[in-house]
Amino acid sequence: MPEPTNTAYASPRALLTQWAGAVGAPLVWLAQFEVNYALVPRACAAGSRLPFHLVFFLALVLIAGTGLAAWRTWQVAGKELPENGPGGPLGRSRLLAVVGLASSALFFLLTLAQWLPAFSVDPCVQ
């Protein structure tokens, strides 16, 4: 299979996409965790769980977006796993794509698992 052109995975936009795919999911998970934690007093006072659900839904959409960015990087870099060999833009792109796919899947499932208690646990329970 011919290798993609150097500009397909070494441009500034491609670098941003690669890093967004690799570290975006953990950052989104952390942000939703902090926002939901900060929402507890307001949700308790309002007696509504809707803000939690909105934050969780938005986080899942954003994490899926980081997974799509990693998938796109993997498609552009040649759909091959990273190998032990010389580095360079192609090797970096493949590594970041695989890391992004794995972290997006992990943090999507983690966020989904954290969402389940929001359906049944009262935010006012201490």
N, C-alpha and C. Protein backbone atom coordinates (compact mmCIF):
# COMPACT_ATOMS: atom_id res chain seq x y z
N MET A 1 0.84 -1.17 0.00
CA MET A 1 0.00 0.00 0.00
C MET A 1 0.89 1.24 0.00
N PRO A 2 0.62 2.20 -0.87
CA PRO A 2 1.46 3.40 -0.89
C PRO A 2 1.23 4.25 0.35
N GLU A 3 2.31 4.86 0.83
CA GLU A 3 2.19 5.72 2.01
C GLU A 3 1.56 7.06 1.61
N PRO A 4 0.76 7.64 2.51
CA PRO A 4 0.17 8.94 2.22
C PRO A 4 1.25 10.01 2.11
N THR A 5 0.88 11.09 1.49
CA THR A 5 1.85 12.18 1.35
C THR A 5 2.17 12.77 2.72
N ASN A 6 3.34 13.33 2.84
CA ASN A 6 3.81 13.87 4.11
C ASN A 6 2.88 14.95 4.64
N THR A 7 2.29 15.76 3.79
CA THR A 7 1.43 16.84 4.25
C THR A 7 0.12 16.32 4.82
N ALA A 8 -0.26 15.08 4.50
CA ALA A 8 -1.53 14.55 4.99
C ALA A 8 -1.50 14.31 6.49
N TYR A 9 -0.35 14.10 7.07
CA TYR A 9 -0.27 13.84 8.50
C TYR A 9 0.77 14.69 9.22
N ALA A 10 1.34 15.67 8.57
CA ALA A 10 2.34 16.52 9.21
C ALA A 10 1.97 18.00 9.21
N SER A 11 0.83 18.35 8.68
CA SER A 11 0.42 19.76 8.67
C SER A 11 -0.01 20.18 10.08
N PRO A 12 -0.03 21.46 10.36
CA PRO A 12 -0.48 21.91 11.69
C PRO A 12 -1.91 21.45 12.02
N ARG A 13 -2.77 21.44 11.04
CA ARG A 13 -4.15 20.98 11.28
C ARG A 13 -4.16 19.49 11.61
N ALA A 14 -3.36 18.71 10.90
CA ALA A 14 -3.28 17.27 11.17
C ALA A 14 -2.72 17.01 12.56
N LEU A 15 -1.72 17.80 12.97
CA LEU A 15 -1.16 17.65 14.31
C LEU A 15 -2.21 17.94 15.38
N LEU A 16 -2.99 18.98 15.17
CA LEU A 16 -4.04 19.33 16.12
C LEU A 16 -5.08 18.20 16.21
N THR A 17 -5.44 17.65 15.08
CA THR A 17 -6.39 16.53 15.06
C THR A 17 -5.82 15.31 15.77
N GLN A 18 -4.56 15.03 15.54
CA GLN A 18 -3.92 13.87 16.19
C GLN A 18 -3.92 14.03 17.71
N TRP A 19 -3.52 15.18 18.18
CA TRP A 19 -3.45 15.38 19.62
C TRP A 19 -4.84 15.49 20.24
N ALA A 20 -5.79 16.07 19.52
CA ALA A 20 -7.17 16.11 20.03
C ALA A 20 -7.72 14.71 20.18
N GLY A 21 -7.42 13.85 19.23
CA GLY A 21 -7.87 12.47 19.33
C GLY A 21 -7.21 11.72 20.48
N ALA A 22 -5.95 12.01 20.75
CA ALA A 22 -5.21 11.27 21.77
C ALA A 22 -5.51 11.75 23.19
N VAL A 23 -5.60 13.04 23.41
CA VAL A 23 -5.79 13.54 24.77
C VAL A 23 -7.15 14.20 25.01
N GLY A 24 -7.96 14.29 23.98
CA GLY A 24 -9.25 14.94 24.14
C GLY A 24 -10.20 14.21 25.06
N ALA A 25 -10.30 12.90 24.93
CA ALA A 25 -11.25 12.13 25.74
C ALA A 25 -10.97 12.24 27.24
N PRO A 26 -9.71 12.07 27.69
CA PRO A 26 -9.48 12.23 29.12
C PRO A 26 -9.78 13.65 29.62
N LEU A 27 -9.51 14.65 28.80
CA LEU A 27 -9.80 16.02 29.21
C LEU A 27 -11.30 16.28 29.30
N VAL A 28 -12.06 15.73 28.36
CA VAL A 28 -13.52 15.87 28.41
C VAL A 28 -14.07 15.16 29.64
N TRP A 29 -13.56 13.95 29.90
CA TRP A 29 -14.03 13.21 31.08
C TRP A 29 -13.75 14.01 32.35
N LEU A 30 -12.54 14.55 32.47
CA LEU A 30 -12.19 15.34 33.65
C LEU A 30 -13.09 16.56 33.77
N ALA A 31 -13.36 17.23 32.68
CA ALA A 31 -14.21 18.42 32.71
C ALA A 31 -15.63 18.07 33.16
N GLN A 32 -16.20 16.99 32.62
CA GLN A 32 -17.56 16.63 33.02
C GLN A 32 -17.60 16.21 34.49
N PHE A 33 -16.55 15.56 34.94
CA PHE A 33 -16.48 15.14 36.34
C PHE A 33 -16.51 16.37 37.25
N GLU A 34 -15.71 17.37 36.92
CA GLU A 34 -15.65 18.59 37.73
C GLU A 34 -16.94 19.39 37.65
N VAL A 35 -17.51 19.51 36.46
CA VAL A 35 -18.75 20.27 36.30
C VAL A 35 -19.89 19.59 37.06
N ASN A 36 -20.00 18.28 36.95
CA ASN A 36 -21.06 17.58 37.68
C ASN A 36 -20.87 17.71 39.19
N TYR A 37 -19.65 17.67 39.65
CA TYR A 37 -19.38 17.84 41.07
C TYR A 37 -19.82 19.24 41.52
N ALA A 38 -19.55 20.24 40.71
CA ALA A 38 -19.93 21.61 41.06
C ALA A 38 -21.44 21.82 40.97
N LEU A 39 -22.14 21.01 40.18
CA LEU A 39 -23.58 21.16 40.03
C LEU A 39 -24.39 20.56 41.17
N VAL A 40 -23.78 19.77 42.03
CA VAL A 40 -24.53 19.07 43.08
C VAL A 40 -25.33 20.02 43.96
N PRO A 41 -24.76 21.11 44.52
CA PRO A 41 -25.57 21.98 45.37
C PRO A 41 -26.76 22.61 44.63
N ARG A 42 -26.55 23.01 43.38
CA ARG A 42 -27.64 23.61 42.62
C ARG A 42 -28.72 22.59 42.27
N ALA A 43 -28.29 21.39 41.91
CA ALA A 43 -29.26 20.34 41.59
C ALA A 43 -30.06 19.95 42.82
N CYS A 44 -29.41 19.92 43.96
CA CYS A 44 -30.11 19.60 45.21
C CYS A 44 -31.13 20.68 45.54
N ALA A 45 -30.73 21.94 45.40
CA ALA A 45 -31.64 23.05 45.70
C ALA A 45 -32.81 23.08 44.72
N ALA A 46 -32.55 22.77 43.46
CA ALA A 46 -33.61 22.81 42.45
C ALA A 46 -34.44 21.52 42.43
N GLY A 47 -33.88 20.45 42.98
CA GLY A 47 -34.58 19.17 42.98
C GLY A 47 -34.65 18.55 41.60
N SER A 48 -33.68 18.84 40.76
CA SER A 48 -33.69 18.34 39.38
C SER A 48 -32.36 17.67 39.05
N ARG A 49 -32.44 16.58 38.32
CA ARG A 49 -31.23 15.90 37.85
C ARG A 49 -30.90 16.24 36.40
N LEU A 50 -31.72 17.07 35.78
CA LEU A 50 -31.54 17.40 34.36
C LEU A 50 -30.16 17.97 34.05
N PRO A 51 -29.60 18.87 34.87
CA PRO A 51 -28.26 19.38 34.54
C PRO A 51 -27.21 18.27 34.44
N PHE A 52 -27.29 17.26 35.31
CA PHE A 52 -26.36 16.14 35.23
C PHE A 52 -26.48 15.42 33.91
N HIS A 53 -27.72 15.17 33.51
CA HIS A 53 -27.96 14.44 32.26
C HIS A 53 -27.44 15.22 31.05
N LEU A 54 -27.63 16.52 31.07
CA LEU A 54 -27.13 17.34 29.96
C LEU A 54 -25.61 17.32 29.89
N VAL A 55 -24.96 17.41 31.03
CA VAL A 55 -23.49 17.39 31.05
C VAL A 55 -22.98 16.03 30.58
N PHE A 56 -23.58 14.95 31.07
CA PHE A 56 -23.14 13.62 30.65
C PHE A 56 -23.36 13.41 29.15
N PHE A 57 -24.51 13.84 28.65
CA PHE A 57 -24.79 13.69 27.22
C PHE A 57 -23.78 14.47 26.39
N LEU A 58 -23.53 15.71 26.76
CA LEU A 58 -22.57 16.54 26.03
C LEU A 58 -21.17 15.91 26.08
N ALA A 59 -20.80 15.38 27.24
CA ALA A 59 -19.48 14.74 27.36
C ALA A 59 -19.37 13.53 26.45
N LEU A 60 -20.42 12.72 26.37
CA LEU A 60 -20.39 11.55 25.49
C LEU A 60 -20.27 11.96 24.03
N VAL A 61 -20.97 13.02 23.66
CA VAL A 61 -20.87 13.50 22.27
C VAL A 61 -19.46 13.99 21.97
N LEU A 62 -18.87 14.74 22.89
CA LEU A 62 -17.51 15.24 22.68
C LEU A 62 -16.48 14.11 22.66
N ILE A 63 -16.64 13.12 23.53
CA ILE A 63 -15.72 11.98 23.53
C ILE A 63 -15.85 11.19 22.24
N ALA A 64 -17.07 11.03 21.76
CA ALA A 64 -17.25 10.37 20.46
C ALA A 64 -16.56 11.17 19.35
N GLY A 65 -16.59 12.49 19.46
CA GLY A 65 -15.88 13.33 18.50
C GLY A 65 -14.38 13.14 18.53
N THR A 66 -13.82 12.96 19.73
CA THR A 66 -12.39 12.69 19.80
C THR A 66 -12.06 11.33 19.21
N GLY A 67 -12.96 10.38 19.39
CA GLY A 67 -12.78 9.06 18.77
C GLY A 67 -12.81 9.16 17.25
N LEU A 68 -13.71 9.99 16.73
CA LEU A 68 -13.76 10.19 15.27
C LEU A 68 -12.49 10.87 14.76
N ALA A 69 -11.96 11.80 15.54
CA ALA A 69 -10.70 12.45 15.14
C ALA A 69 -9.57 11.42 15.10
N ALA A 70 -9.53 10.53 16.09
CA ALA A 70 -8.50 9.48 16.10
C ALA A 70 -8.71 8.52 14.93
N TRP A 71 -9.95 8.20 14.64
CA TRP A 71 -10.25 7.30 13.52
C TRP A 71 -9.81 7.94 12.20
N ARG A 72 -10.08 9.21 12.05
CA ARG A 72 -9.68 9.93 10.84
C ARG A 72 -8.15 9.95 10.71
N THR A 73 -7.46 10.16 11.80
CA THR A 73 -5.99 10.14 11.79
C THR A 73 -5.50 8.77 11.36
N TRP A 74 -6.11 7.72 11.88
CA TRP A 74 -5.70 6.37 11.53
C TRP A 74 -5.95 6.09 10.05
N GLN A 75 -7.06 6.58 9.51
CA GLN A 75 -7.35 6.40 8.09
C GLN A 75 -6.30 7.11 7.23
N VAL A 76 -5.95 8.32 7.60
CA VAL A 76 -4.99 9.10 6.81
C VAL A 76 -3.59 8.52 6.92
N ALA A 77 -3.24 7.98 8.09
CA ALA A 77 -1.89 7.46 8.31
C ALA A 77 -1.67 6.06 7.74
N GLY A 78 -2.68 5.46 7.18
CA GLY A 78 -2.46 4.21 6.49
C GLY A 78 -3.06 2.97 7.11
N LYS A 79 -3.89 3.09 8.12
CA LYS A 79 -4.60 1.97 8.73
C LYS A 79 -3.69 0.83 9.17
N GLU A 80 -2.53 1.15 9.66
CA GLU A 80 -1.61 0.14 10.16
C GLU A 80 -1.26 0.48 11.60
N LEU A 81 -0.97 -0.56 12.38
CA LEU A 81 -0.54 -0.33 13.75
C LEU A 81 0.88 0.23 13.75
N PRO A 82 1.21 1.02 14.79
CA PRO A 82 2.57 1.54 14.87
C PRO A 82 3.57 0.39 15.01
N GLU A 83 4.70 0.54 14.38
CA GLU A 83 5.73 -0.49 14.42
C GLU A 83 6.95 0.02 15.14
N ASN A 84 7.79 -0.92 15.57
CA ASN A 84 9.09 -0.53 16.10
C ASN A 84 9.97 -0.19 14.91
N GLY A 85 10.29 1.02 14.80
CA GLY A 85 11.09 1.47 13.68
C GLY A 85 11.42 2.93 13.86
N PRO A 86 11.92 3.53 12.82
CA PRO A 86 12.24 4.94 12.94
C PRO A 86 10.98 5.75 13.18
N GLY A 87 11.13 6.81 13.94
CA GLY A 87 10.00 7.66 14.25
C GLY A 87 9.60 8.48 13.04
N GLY A 88 9.29 9.69 13.27
CA GLY A 88 8.89 10.56 12.18
C GLY A 88 7.40 10.81 12.21
N PRO A 89 6.93 11.63 11.29
CA PRO A 89 5.53 12.00 11.29
C PRO A 89 4.57 10.82 11.09
N LEU A 90 4.93 9.86 10.25
CA LEU A 90 4.03 8.74 10.01
C LEU A 90 3.90 7.86 11.25
N GLY A 91 5.02 7.54 11.89
CA GLY A 91 4.98 6.73 13.11
C GLY A 91 4.24 7.43 14.24
N ARG A 92 4.49 8.73 14.38
CA ARG A 92 3.80 9.51 15.40
C ARG A 92 2.30 9.52 15.15
N SER A 93 1.92 9.70 13.90
CA SER A 93 0.50 9.75 13.55
C SER A 93 -0.19 8.44 13.86
N ARG A 94 0.46 7.34 13.53
CA ARG A 94 -0.14 6.03 13.80
C ARG A 94 -0.25 5.77 15.30
N LEU A 95 0.79 6.14 16.05
CA LEU A 95 0.76 5.94 17.50
C LEU A 95 -0.34 6.78 18.13
N LEU A 96 -0.43 8.05 17.78
CA LEU A 96 -1.46 8.91 18.36
C LEU A 96 -2.85 8.45 17.95
N ALA A 97 -3.00 7.91 16.76
CA ALA A 97 -4.30 7.40 16.34
C ALA A 97 -4.72 6.21 17.18
N VAL A 98 -3.82 5.26 17.41
CA VAL A 98 -4.15 4.08 18.21
C VAL A 98 -4.42 4.47 19.66
N VAL A 99 -3.60 5.35 20.22
CA VAL A 99 -3.82 5.82 21.59
C VAL A 99 -5.16 6.55 21.68
N GLY A 100 -5.47 7.36 20.68
CA GLY A 100 -6.74 8.08 20.68
C GLY A 100 -7.94 7.16 20.59
N LEU A 101 -7.87 6.15 19.76
CA LEU A 101 -8.97 5.19 19.66
C LEU A 101 -9.18 4.46 20.98
N ALA A 102 -8.09 4.03 21.58
CA ALA A 102 -8.20 3.30 22.85
C ALA A 102 -8.71 4.20 23.98
N SER A 103 -8.16 5.40 24.09
CA SER A 103 -8.59 6.27 25.19
C SER A 103 -10.02 6.76 24.98
N SER A 104 -10.42 6.99 23.74
CA SER A 104 -11.80 7.40 23.49
C SER A 104 -12.78 6.30 23.89
N ALA A 105 -12.46 5.07 23.55
CA ALA A 105 -13.33 3.95 23.92
C ALA A 105 -13.39 3.81 25.45
N LEU A 106 -12.24 3.88 26.10
CA LEU A 106 -12.19 3.72 27.55
C LEU A 106 -12.98 4.83 28.25
N PHE A 107 -12.75 6.07 27.88
CA PHE A 107 -13.41 7.17 28.57
C PHE A 107 -14.87 7.30 28.18
N PHE A 108 -15.26 6.83 27.01
CA PHE A 108 -16.68 6.78 26.67
C PHE A 108 -17.40 5.81 27.61
N LEU A 109 -16.83 4.62 27.78
CA LEU A 109 -17.43 3.64 28.69
C LEU A 109 -17.42 4.12 30.14
N LEU A 110 -16.34 4.76 30.55
CA LEU A 110 -16.25 5.28 31.91
C LEU A 110 -17.32 6.36 32.16
N THR A 111 -17.49 7.25 31.22
CA THR A 111 -18.50 8.31 31.36
C THR A 111 -19.90 7.71 31.36
N LEU A 112 -20.13 6.74 30.51
CA LEU A 112 -21.43 6.07 30.48
C LEU A 112 -21.71 5.38 31.82
N ALA A 113 -20.71 4.73 32.39
CA ALA A 113 -20.88 4.07 33.69
C ALA A 113 -21.13 5.09 34.80
N GLN A 114 -20.51 6.26 34.72
CA GLN A 114 -20.74 7.29 35.72
C GLN A 114 -22.12 7.93 35.57
N TRP A 115 -22.69 7.86 34.39
CA TRP A 115 -24.00 8.45 34.15
C TRP A 115 -25.10 7.63 34.81
N LEU A 116 -24.94 6.33 34.90
CA LEU A 116 -26.00 5.46 35.42
C LEU A 116 -26.50 5.87 36.81
N PRO A 117 -25.66 6.19 37.77
CA PRO A 117 -26.19 6.60 39.07
C PRO A 117 -27.00 7.90 39.03
N ALA A 118 -26.78 8.72 38.03
CA ALA A 118 -27.53 9.98 37.94
C ALA A 118 -29.03 9.74 37.74
N PHE A 119 -29.38 8.54 37.32
CA PHE A 119 -30.79 8.21 37.13
C PHE A 119 -31.48 7.82 38.45
N SER A 120 -30.70 7.35 39.43
CA SER A 120 -31.35 6.82 40.61
C SER A 120 -30.88 7.43 41.94
N VAL A 121 -29.70 8.00 42.00
CA VAL A 121 -29.18 8.54 43.25
C VAL A 121 -29.61 9.98 43.40
N ASP A 122 -30.18 10.29 44.56
CA ASP A 122 -30.62 11.64 44.86
C ASP A 122 -29.40 12.52 45.12
N PRO A 123 -29.28 13.68 44.46
CA PRO A 123 -28.10 14.54 44.68
C PRO A 123 -28.04 15.13 46.07
N CYS A 124 -29.13 15.09 46.83
CA CYS A 124 -29.14 15.67 48.16
C CYS A 124 -28.70 14.70 49.25
N VAL A 125 -28.48 13.44 48.91
CA VAL A 125 -28.05 12.45 49.90
C VAL A 125 -26.59 12.72 50.26
N GLN A 126 -26.32 12.76 51.55
CA GLN A 126 -24.95 13.03 51.98
C GLN A 126 -24.37 11.87 52.73
